[in-house]
Protein backbone atom coordinates (compact mmCIF):
# COMPACT_ATOMS: atom_id res chain seq x y z
CA MET A 1 0.37 -4.74 76.63
CA GLY A 2 -1.19 -1.44 75.20
CA GLN A 3 -2.80 -0.86 71.91
CA ILE A 4 -0.27 -0.72 69.02
CA THR A 5 -0.60 2.91 67.36
CA MET A 6 -0.40 4.23 63.91
CA GLU A 7 2.42 6.22 65.55
CA MET A 8 4.43 3.33 66.89
CA LEU A 9 3.97 1.33 63.37
CA LEU A 10 5.40 4.55 61.71
CA ASP A 11 8.50 4.86 63.80
CA TRP A 12 9.03 1.14 63.73
CA TYR A 13 9.02 1.75 60.05
CA ARG A 14 11.47 4.60 60.29
CA GLN A 15 13.96 2.37 62.45
CA MET A 16 14.21 -0.55 60.09
CA VAL A 17 14.53 1.85 56.96
CA LEU A 18 17.37 3.45 58.80
CA ILE A 19 18.73 0.13 59.96
CA ARG A 20 18.40 -1.05 55.98
CA GLU A 21 20.00 2.37 54.68
CA PHE A 22 23.03 2.08 57.39
CA GLU A 23 23.56 -1.37 56.48
CA GLU A 24 23.59 -1.14 52.61
CA ALA A 25 25.95 2.00 52.95
CA CYS A 26 28.22 -0.01 55.07
CA GLN A 27 28.57 -2.65 52.25
CA HIS A 28 29.55 0.11 49.63
CA LEU A 29 31.84 1.83 52.32
CA TYR A 30 33.53 -1.64 52.78
CA GLU A 31 34.00 -1.98 48.93
CA GLN A 32 35.48 1.20 48.80
CA LYS A 33 37.94 0.39 51.59
CA ARG A 34 36.62 3.29 54.02
CA ILE A 35 35.15 0.70 56.16
CA THR A 36 38.15 -1.98 56.88
CA GLY A 37 38.82 -5.24 58.58
CA VAL A 38 38.38 -8.88 57.69
CA TYR A 39 34.54 -9.07 58.55
CA LEU A 40 31.41 -6.74 58.81
CA HIS A 41 28.49 -8.53 59.86
CA LEU A 42 25.28 -6.78 58.02
CA TYR A 43 21.87 -6.90 59.84
CA SER A 44 19.83 -6.28 56.36
CA GLY A 45 16.70 -8.64 56.49
CA HIS A 46 16.74 -9.06 60.35
CA GLU A 47 15.23 -5.55 61.25
CA ALA A 48 12.28 -6.36 62.64
CA ILE A 49 13.85 -8.69 65.46
CA ALA A 50 15.95 -5.73 66.93
CA VAL A 51 13.16 -3.08 66.46
CA GLY A 52 10.38 -5.39 67.79
CA ALA A 53 12.40 -6.64 70.92
CA ILE A 54 13.77 -3.09 71.80
CA ALA A 55 10.27 -1.59 71.72
CA ASN A 56 9.63 -3.44 74.86
CA MET A 57 12.72 -2.21 76.81
CA VAL A 58 12.84 0.81 79.29
CA ILE A 59 15.92 2.37 77.93
CA GLY A 60 18.59 2.78 80.66
CA LYS A 61 16.88 0.17 82.86
CA ASP A 62 16.54 -2.98 80.95
CA HIS A 63 19.64 -4.27 79.18
CA ILE A 64 20.33 -5.72 75.88
CA ILE A 65 23.73 -7.57 74.62
CA THR A 66 24.65 -9.39 71.24
CA ALA A 67 26.98 -11.06 68.98
CA TYR A 68 28.95 -9.32 66.28
CA ARG A 69 25.90 -8.65 64.05
CA ASP A 70 25.43 -5.69 66.13
CA HIS A 71 24.84 -2.51 63.88
CA GLY A 72 20.86 -2.77 63.99
CA ILE A 73 20.58 -3.16 67.59
CA ALA A 74 22.75 -0.14 68.29
CA LEU A 75 20.49 1.77 65.86
CA ALA A 76 17.43 0.40 67.25
CA ILE A 77 18.22 1.43 71.04
CA GLY A 78 18.88 4.87 69.91
CA CYS A 79 22.79 5.08 69.35
CA ASP A 80 23.51 7.99 67.27
CA PRO A 81 24.01 6.98 63.38
CA GLY A 82 27.05 9.30 63.19
CA ALA A 83 28.77 8.00 66.18
CA THR A 84 28.18 4.39 64.98
CA MET A 85 29.13 4.90 61.55
CA ALA A 86 32.57 6.64 62.91
CA GLU A 87 32.88 3.61 64.83
CA MET A 88 32.52 1.46 61.58
CA MET A 89 35.62 3.62 60.41
CA GLY A 90 37.55 3.58 63.28
CA LYS A 91 37.18 7.10 64.12
CA ARG A 92 37.82 8.85 67.60
CA ASP A 93 34.12 10.18 67.78
CA GLY A 94 32.72 6.56 67.57
CA LEU A 95 30.75 4.71 70.04
CA SER A 96 33.95 2.76 71.26
CA GLY A 97 36.27 5.95 70.41
CA GLY A 98 37.36 3.91 67.29
CA LYS A 99 38.99 1.05 68.91
CA GLY A 100 36.14 -1.46 68.64
CA GLY A 101 34.93 -1.65 65.09
CA SER A 102 31.88 -3.31 63.76
CA MET A 103 31.93 -5.95 65.99
CA HIS A 104 32.26 -4.03 69.34
CA LEU A 105 29.71 -1.66 69.64
CA ALA A 106 28.34 -0.40 73.05
CA SER A 107 26.35 2.18 74.67
CA ARG A 108 26.61 2.58 78.44
CA ARG A 109 23.88 5.31 78.44
CA HIS A 110 21.28 2.54 76.58
CA ASN A 111 22.56 -0.42 78.80
CA PHE A 112 23.74 -1.81 75.57
CA TRP A 113 26.73 -3.93 76.01
CA GLY A 114 27.76 -5.27 72.92
CA GLY A 115 28.80 -6.32 70.16
CA TYR A 116 31.08 -9.36 70.95
CA ALA A 117 33.42 -11.24 68.28
CA ILE A 118 33.64 -14.48 70.26
CA VAL A 119 30.70 -16.74 69.12
CA GLY A 120 28.25 -17.27 72.20
CA GLY A 121 30.90 -15.19 74.62
CA HIS A 122 28.30 -12.96 75.32
CA LEU A 123 25.67 -15.18 76.84
CA PRO A 124 27.35 -15.96 80.26
CA LEU A 125 27.62 -12.20 80.66
CA ALA A 126 23.99 -12.06 79.84
CA THR A 127 23.42 -14.36 82.71
CA GLY A 128 25.58 -12.15 84.74
CA LEU A 129 23.53 -9.13 84.15
CA ALA A 130 20.43 -10.80 85.00
CA LEU A 131 21.90 -11.91 88.34
CA GLU A 132 22.67 -8.64 89.36
CA SER A 133 19.32 -7.34 88.20
CA GLN A 134 17.74 -10.01 90.49
CA TYR A 135 20.14 -9.70 93.22
CA ASN A 136 19.50 -5.96 93.56
CA GLU A 137 15.91 -5.96 92.99
CA ARG A 138 16.14 -3.73 89.89
CA GLY A 139 13.03 -5.20 88.02
CA ALA A 140 15.08 -5.16 84.77
CA VAL A 141 15.35 -7.78 82.12
CA VAL A 142 18.33 -8.80 79.90
CA ILE A 143 17.62 -9.40 76.07
CA SER A 144 20.27 -11.36 74.57
CA MET A 145 20.21 -11.83 70.92
CA VAL A 146 21.64 -15.22 70.01
CA GLY A 147 22.47 -16.90 66.27
CA ASP A 148 21.28 -20.10 65.15
CA GLY A 149 24.86 -21.23 65.18
CA ALA A 150 25.90 -20.54 68.64
CA THR A 151 23.09 -22.59 70.13
CA ASN A 152 25.67 -25.34 69.50
CA ASN A 153 28.24 -23.82 71.73
CA GLY A 154 28.97 -24.57 75.20
CA TYR A 155 28.69 -20.90 76.35
CA PHE A 156 25.13 -21.25 75.35
CA HIS A 157 24.22 -24.32 77.49
CA GLU A 158 26.25 -23.15 80.31
CA ALA A 159 24.49 -19.84 80.23
CA LEU A 160 20.76 -21.14 79.74
CA ASN A 161 21.43 -23.77 82.70
CA MET A 162 22.61 -21.10 85.20
CA SER A 163 19.72 -18.98 84.22
CA GLY A 164 17.19 -21.49 84.80
CA VAL A 165 18.65 -22.68 88.05
CA TRP A 166 18.68 -19.07 89.42
CA ARG A 167 15.57 -18.31 87.56
CA LEU A 168 16.74 -15.07 86.51
CA PRO A 169 14.77 -12.44 84.21
CA ASN A 170 16.90 -13.31 80.98
CA ILE A 171 14.81 -13.26 77.45
CA TRP A 172 16.66 -15.43 74.94
CA ILE A 173 16.25 -14.54 71.19
CA ILE A 174 17.25 -16.96 68.91
CA GLU A 175 17.94 -15.25 65.44
CA ASN A 176 17.66 -18.34 63.07
CA ASN A 177 18.40 -16.85 59.97
CA GLY A 178 18.88 -20.71 58.49
CA TYR A 179 22.78 -20.76 58.31
CA GLY A 180 25.45 -20.96 60.70
CA MET A 181 28.02 -19.01 58.47
CA GLY A 182 27.74 -21.35 55.50
CA THR A 183 26.20 -24.38 57.14
CA GLU A 184 22.25 -25.10 57.01
CA VAL A 185 20.80 -25.55 60.78
CA GLU A 186 19.54 -29.15 59.80
CA ARG A 187 23.24 -30.14 58.97
CA ALA A 188 24.57 -28.56 62.10
CA SER A 189 21.88 -29.45 64.82
CA ALA A 190 20.76 -32.95 65.72
CA ASN A 191 17.47 -31.13 66.53
CA PRO A 192 17.07 -28.15 64.09
CA ILE A 193 13.64 -26.79 66.38
CA LEU A 194 16.04 -24.82 68.50
CA HIS A 195 13.28 -23.32 70.62
CA GLU A 196 12.92 -26.87 72.25
CA ARG A 197 16.45 -26.58 73.73
CA ALA A 198 14.49 -24.53 76.28
CA LYS A 199 13.00 -27.44 77.90
CA GLY A 200 16.39 -29.02 78.96
CA TYR A 201 17.15 -25.79 81.04
CA GLY A 202 14.08 -25.10 82.96
CA THR A 203 13.64 -22.15 80.70
CA HIS A 204 9.73 -21.15 79.28
CA ASP A 205 9.56 -21.95 75.79
CA LEU A 206 7.68 -19.22 73.53
CA GLY A 207 8.30 -21.38 70.34
CA ARG A 208 8.86 -19.77 66.92
CA ILE A 209 7.70 -16.59 65.74
CA ASP A 210 7.96 -14.86 62.67
CA GLY A 211 10.98 -12.40 62.64
CA GLN A 212 10.16 -10.58 59.64
CA ASP A 213 7.13 -9.25 61.32
CA VAL A 214 8.05 -6.96 63.60
CA VAL A 215 4.36 -6.55 65.22
CA ALA A 216 4.67 -10.32 66.07
CA VAL A 217 8.19 -9.86 67.62
CA TYR A 218 6.95 -7.12 69.68
CA GLU A 219 3.93 -9.12 71.09
CA ALA A 220 6.10 -12.21 71.80
CA VAL A 221 8.81 -10.03 73.73
CA CYS A 222 6.23 -8.17 75.20
CA ALA A 223 4.73 -11.53 76.86
CA ALA A 224 8.16 -12.83 77.49
CA LYS A 225 9.21 -9.74 79.56
CA GLU A 226 6.11 -9.97 81.79
CA TYR A 227 6.81 -13.72 82.29
CA ALA A 228 10.66 -13.31 83.10
CA LEU A 229 9.95 -10.87 85.60
CA ALA A 230 7.79 -12.83 87.32
CA TYR A 231 8.81 -16.29 87.16
CA GLY A 232 12.41 -16.65 85.19
CA PRO A 233 14.20 -17.11 81.68
CA VAL A 234 12.18 -17.24 78.53
CA LEU A 235 13.22 -18.43 74.78
CA ILE A 236 12.03 -17.30 71.59
CA GLU A 237 13.30 -18.69 68.19
CA ALA A 238 12.57 -15.82 65.63
CA MET A 239 12.68 -17.22 61.99
CA THR A 240 14.71 -14.51 59.74
CA TYR A 241 16.98 -14.53 56.70
CA ARG A 242 20.11 -12.48 56.03
CA TYR A 243 20.47 -10.76 52.67
CA ARG A 244 24.16 -10.59 52.66
CA GLY A 245 26.91 -13.25 53.52
CA HIS A 246 27.87 -14.08 56.97
CA GLY A 247 30.14 -11.34 56.66
CA VAL A 248 30.57 -8.92 53.84
CA SER A 249 33.93 -10.90 52.62
CA ASP A 250 32.07 -14.02 52.81
CA LYS A 251 30.53 -14.44 48.95
CA GLN A 252 28.14 -17.32 50.27
CA TYR A 253 25.16 -14.95 49.43
CA ASN A 254 26.16 -15.32 45.65
CA THR A 255 26.35 -19.04 45.79
CA ARG A 256 23.15 -19.76 47.82
CA LEU A 257 20.05 -20.69 46.14
CA ALA A 258 19.16 -17.52 44.34
CA GLN A 259 15.43 -18.52 44.38
CA GLU A 260 15.39 -18.90 48.13
CA LEU A 261 16.95 -15.39 48.67
CA GLU A 262 14.58 -13.71 46.10
CA GLU A 263 11.73 -15.51 47.89
CA TRP A 264 12.42 -13.94 50.99
CA LYS A 265 13.00 -10.68 49.65
CA GLN A 266 9.64 -10.26 47.55
CA THR A 267 7.33 -12.27 49.99
CA LYS A 268 8.97 -11.63 53.48
CA ASP A 269 11.03 -8.98 53.58
CA PRO A 270 10.12 -7.26 57.02
CA ILE A 271 9.88 -3.62 55.74
CA THR A 272 7.57 -4.79 53.03
CA ILE A 273 5.36 -6.54 55.45
CA LEU A 274 5.32 -3.58 57.61
CA ALA A 275 4.34 -1.08 54.98
CA ARG A 276 1.63 -3.29 53.86
CA ARG A 277 0.11 -3.08 57.54
CA ILE A 278 0.45 0.54 57.72
CA LEU A 279 -1.28 0.80 54.20
CA ALA A 280 -3.97 -1.63 55.07
CA GLN A 281 -4.83 0.66 58.10
CA ASP A 282 -4.34 4.08 56.33
CA PRO A 283 -4.36 3.40 52.29
CA GLN A 284 -3.35 7.06 52.20
CA ALA A 285 0.09 6.67 54.09
CA GLN A 286 2.37 5.89 51.02
CA PRO A 287 3.60 9.53 50.82
CA LYS A 288 4.41 9.54 54.53
CA LEU A 289 6.49 6.31 54.03
CA ASP A 290 8.28 7.53 51.04
CA GLN A 291 8.88 10.85 53.24
CA ILE A 292 10.54 8.65 55.83
CA THR A 293 12.79 6.60 53.43
CA GLY A 294 14.04 9.86 51.97
CA GLU A 295 14.88 11.35 55.38
CA GLN A 296 16.43 7.91 56.61
CA HIS A 297 18.65 8.05 53.56
CA LYS A 298 19.78 11.67 54.27
CA VAL A 299 20.41 10.71 58.02
CA VAL A 300 22.91 7.98 56.77
CA GLU A 301 24.56 10.41 54.21
CA GLU A 302 25.21 12.72 57.10
CA ALA A 303 26.42 9.98 59.35
CA ILE A 304 28.88 8.90 56.89
CA ALA A 305 30.00 12.73 56.46
CA PHE A 306 30.48 12.78 60.17
CA ALA A 307 32.56 9.95 60.16
CA ASP A 308 34.69 11.17 57.48
CA ASN A 309 35.46 14.14 59.03
CA SER A 310 35.98 12.63 62.52
CA PRO A 311 39.91 12.10 63.55
CA LEU A 312 41.54 8.85 64.04
CA PRO A 313 42.65 7.92 67.56
CA ASP A 314 46.10 8.83 67.06
CA THR A 315 47.98 9.11 70.69
CA LEU A 316 49.41 6.78 73.36
CA GLU A 317 46.96 7.99 75.84
CA GLU A 318 44.02 7.09 73.56
CA LEU A 319 45.40 3.73 73.02
CA TYR A 320 45.83 3.01 76.73
CA ALA A 321 42.53 4.63 77.81
CA HIS A 322 39.75 2.65 79.27
CA ILE A 323 41.85 -0.62 80.04
CA TYR A 324 41.83 -0.01 83.74
CA VAL A 325 39.20 1.61 86.00
CA ASP A 326 40.36 4.93 87.47
């Protein structure tokens, strides 16, 4: 792991602000019915995990896959904000041609494989991706984001077991935000220390990390990548918190203890934590941080305008495209 430079910190700040601005814009667009559908799962509060993890990837070589809370992953790995927003609105210029929507973002160019709506359904795919990398000696790792609720799903146990048996280059990152939908982890898991599940599957346990500190995430995933390429799978439990409900139509965040939510926002916000680190190293950096925030707000405004102007996928040819391989 090389030295973490100010340039890296500022770029991570830019990415995290972009994700926050994008997600909060999606909340408002959903309320305006410009983004439709039953669910829209926002990444606000989780930003440091995506940014810190993806900073270790060789884009186009390593792989990443996640579940339905996927917008932040798409933006952090470099997907165009306009195409991402167009997909939110179901437009032809979206990442998936407007036919996938919020939960089905993907980018072949970035080896970002989704975006899956079925809880835990992406985990066996992550094992398969790692098997392909190992079999063909590609030297690539597969990062898989796992919600805390999915760790009680059969897919989780099957995928980790196969990965452990074959010593595959998987990095499993549990994004533990404390709630599986509306149920506290302690009420749903007999052992709420989720990273300890690694032991049952011959997987290296890197323990719990502060998922609100992008530097801590970066360093943990850096160590995980080195281990996974040499010895096999690694599991990390990143402690985080979501600022919205499970989905935007879920009003859980209004009924959850207000004090708990406010504490996370005031003392554990990932963007604030990174800003403090930057200012501790360069007390004159505040104008630069303000500039970044303004720039990313404009990026999101331009993404919305792009999506608004993109046409709908409205032909039968588009409906049936990409179902079969040519």
